[in-house]
Amino acid sequence: MSSTTASSTTPVEDAMRDKLVAAFTPTTLQIRNDSHLHAHHAPMQGSTSKETHFHVTITSEAFQSKSQPARHRMVYLLFKDEMAREGGIHALQLRTRTPEEEKKQAEREQN
């Protein structure tokens, strides 16, 4: 996956993409910034960051034989600094799959 074809215009999202690619070599990686949907929430008042809420869909062989909670812990560990920092990642919604799971889902959607 080329970072030039999947690049964003936001520094937090760019850093997330770089870390995910380096750690998991994903076959599919989608990062959606949902921060604008949560800007009116009380905890976000006064935050200058426009990159606080993300949805990530990632497919990787690294998730093979791991439960969903274990997969999520792997990703959360990768972003522990970003999540601990003031104005950093406030919410991270994850969809983690193996290539086999992604293939099975695609087959179900075709039927």
Protein backbone atom coordinates (compact mmCIF):
# COMPACT_ATOMS: atom_id res chain seq x y z
CA MET A 1 0.00 0.00 0.00
CA SER A 2 1.53 3.27 -1.07
CA SER A 3 1.30 6.13 1.38
CA THR A 4 1.01 8.54 -1.54
CA THR A 5 -2.23 6.97 -2.75
CA ALA A 6 -3.67 6.66 0.75
CA SER A 7 -2.37 9.88 2.27
CA SER A 8 -4.46 12.35 4.21
CA THR A 9 -4.15 16.06 4.80
CA THR A 10 -4.13 15.73 8.60
CA PRO A 11 -1.02 15.10 10.71
CA VAL A 12 -2.63 12.80 13.31
CA GLU A 13 -4.24 10.70 10.60
CA ASP A 14 -0.96 10.59 8.68
CA ALA A 15 0.89 9.43 11.80
CA MET A 16 -1.77 6.81 12.48
CA ARG A 17 -1.49 5.50 8.93
CA ASP A 18 2.31 5.34 9.11
CA LYS A 19 2.23 3.45 12.43
CA LEU A 20 -0.46 1.00 11.29
CA VAL A 21 1.33 0.25 8.02
CA ALA A 22 4.68 -0.26 9.77
CA ALA A 23 3.27 -2.44 12.55
CA PHE A 24 0.70 -4.55 10.70
CA THR A 25 1.47 -4.43 6.95
CA PRO A 26 -2.26 -4.26 6.22
CA THR A 27 -3.85 -5.46 3.01
CA THR A 28 -6.74 -3.08 3.68
CA LEU A 29 -6.55 0.13 5.70
CA GLN A 30 -9.28 2.74 5.94
CA ILE A 31 -9.12 5.61 8.40
CA ARG A 32 -12.10 7.90 8.76
CA ASN A 33 -11.90 11.08 10.82
CA ASP A 34 -15.25 11.44 12.61
CA SER A 35 -14.14 14.33 14.82
CA HIS A 36 -16.58 16.80 13.25
CA LEU A 37 -19.47 14.62 14.42
CA HIS A 38 -18.38 15.02 18.05
CA ALA A 39 -17.16 18.63 18.17
CA HIS A 40 -20.30 19.74 20.05
CA HIS A 41 -19.82 17.21 22.90
CA ALA A 42 -18.93 18.72 26.27
CA PRO A 43 -15.50 17.02 26.57
CA MET A 44 -14.52 18.51 23.20
CA GLN A 45 -15.34 22.11 24.19
CA GLY A 46 -12.14 24.13 24.15
CA SER A 47 -10.21 21.48 22.21
CA THR A 48 -8.24 22.97 19.36
CA SER A 49 -7.66 19.59 17.73
CA LYS A 50 -9.76 18.63 14.73
CA GLU A 51 -8.44 15.07 14.96
CA THR A 52 -9.89 13.38 18.03
CA HIS A 53 -12.34 10.70 16.86
CA PHE A 54 -11.43 8.02 14.32
CA HIS A 55 -12.88 4.89 12.79
CA VAL A 56 -10.27 2.41 11.52
CA THR A 57 -10.88 -0.66 9.39
CA ILE A 58 -7.75 -2.78 9.06
CA THR A 59 -7.08 -6.19 7.55
CA SER A 60 -3.83 -7.90 8.46
CA GLU A 61 -2.25 -11.34 8.80
CA ALA A 62 -0.98 -10.09 12.17
CA PHE A 63 -4.49 -10.67 13.56
CA GLN A 64 -4.50 -14.36 12.67
CA SER A 65 -5.41 -16.57 15.68
CA LYS A 66 -6.13 -13.49 17.84
CA SER A 67 -9.47 -12.69 19.45
CA GLN A 68 -11.13 -9.33 18.70
CA PRO A 69 -10.18 -7.95 22.14
CA ALA A 70 -6.55 -9.02 21.60
CA ARG A 71 -6.51 -7.36 18.18
CA HIS A 72 -7.92 -4.15 19.61
CA ARG A 73 -5.32 -4.17 22.39
CA MET A 74 -2.59 -4.46 19.73
CA VAL A 75 -3.87 -1.31 18.02
CA TYR A 76 -4.50 0.60 21.25
CA LEU A 77 -0.96 -0.16 22.39
CA LEU A 78 0.34 1.31 19.14
CA PHE A 79 -1.49 4.59 19.86
CA LYS A 80 -1.02 4.80 23.64
CA ASP A 81 0.94 8.08 23.41
CA GLU A 82 -1.56 9.69 21.05
CA MET A 83 -4.45 8.64 23.31
CA ALA A 84 -2.76 9.91 26.48
CA ARG A 85 -1.81 13.31 25.05
CA GLU A 86 -4.03 16.34 25.68
CA GLY A 87 -5.84 17.08 22.42
CA GLY A 88 -4.85 13.66 21.08
CA ILE A 89 -7.05 10.75 20.08
CA HIS A 90 -10.17 10.77 22.26
CA ALA A 91 -12.06 7.89 20.61
CA LEU A 92 -10.98 5.07 18.34
CA GLN A 93 -13.51 2.72 16.76
CA LEU A 94 -11.89 -0.38 15.31
CA ARG A 95 -12.81 -3.06 12.80
CA THR A 96 -10.00 -5.62 12.69
CA ARG A 97 -9.99 -8.57 10.29
CA THR A 98 -7.73 -11.18 8.81
CA PRO A 99 -7.57 -11.52 5.01
CA GLU A 100 -9.62 -14.73 5.29
CA GLU A 101 -12.34 -12.95 7.27
CA GLU A 102 -12.39 -10.12 4.74
CA LYS A 103 -12.71 -12.61 1.87
CA LYS A 104 -15.59 -14.45 3.58
CA GLN A 105 -17.39 -11.16 4.19
CA ALA A 106 -16.99 -10.15 0.55
CA GLU A 107 -18.39 -13.51 -0.55
CA ARG A 108 -21.42 -13.11 1.77
CA GLU A 109 -22.07 -9.63 0.39
CA GLN A 110 -22.05 -10.96 -3.20
CA ASN A 111 -24.75 -13.53 -2.42
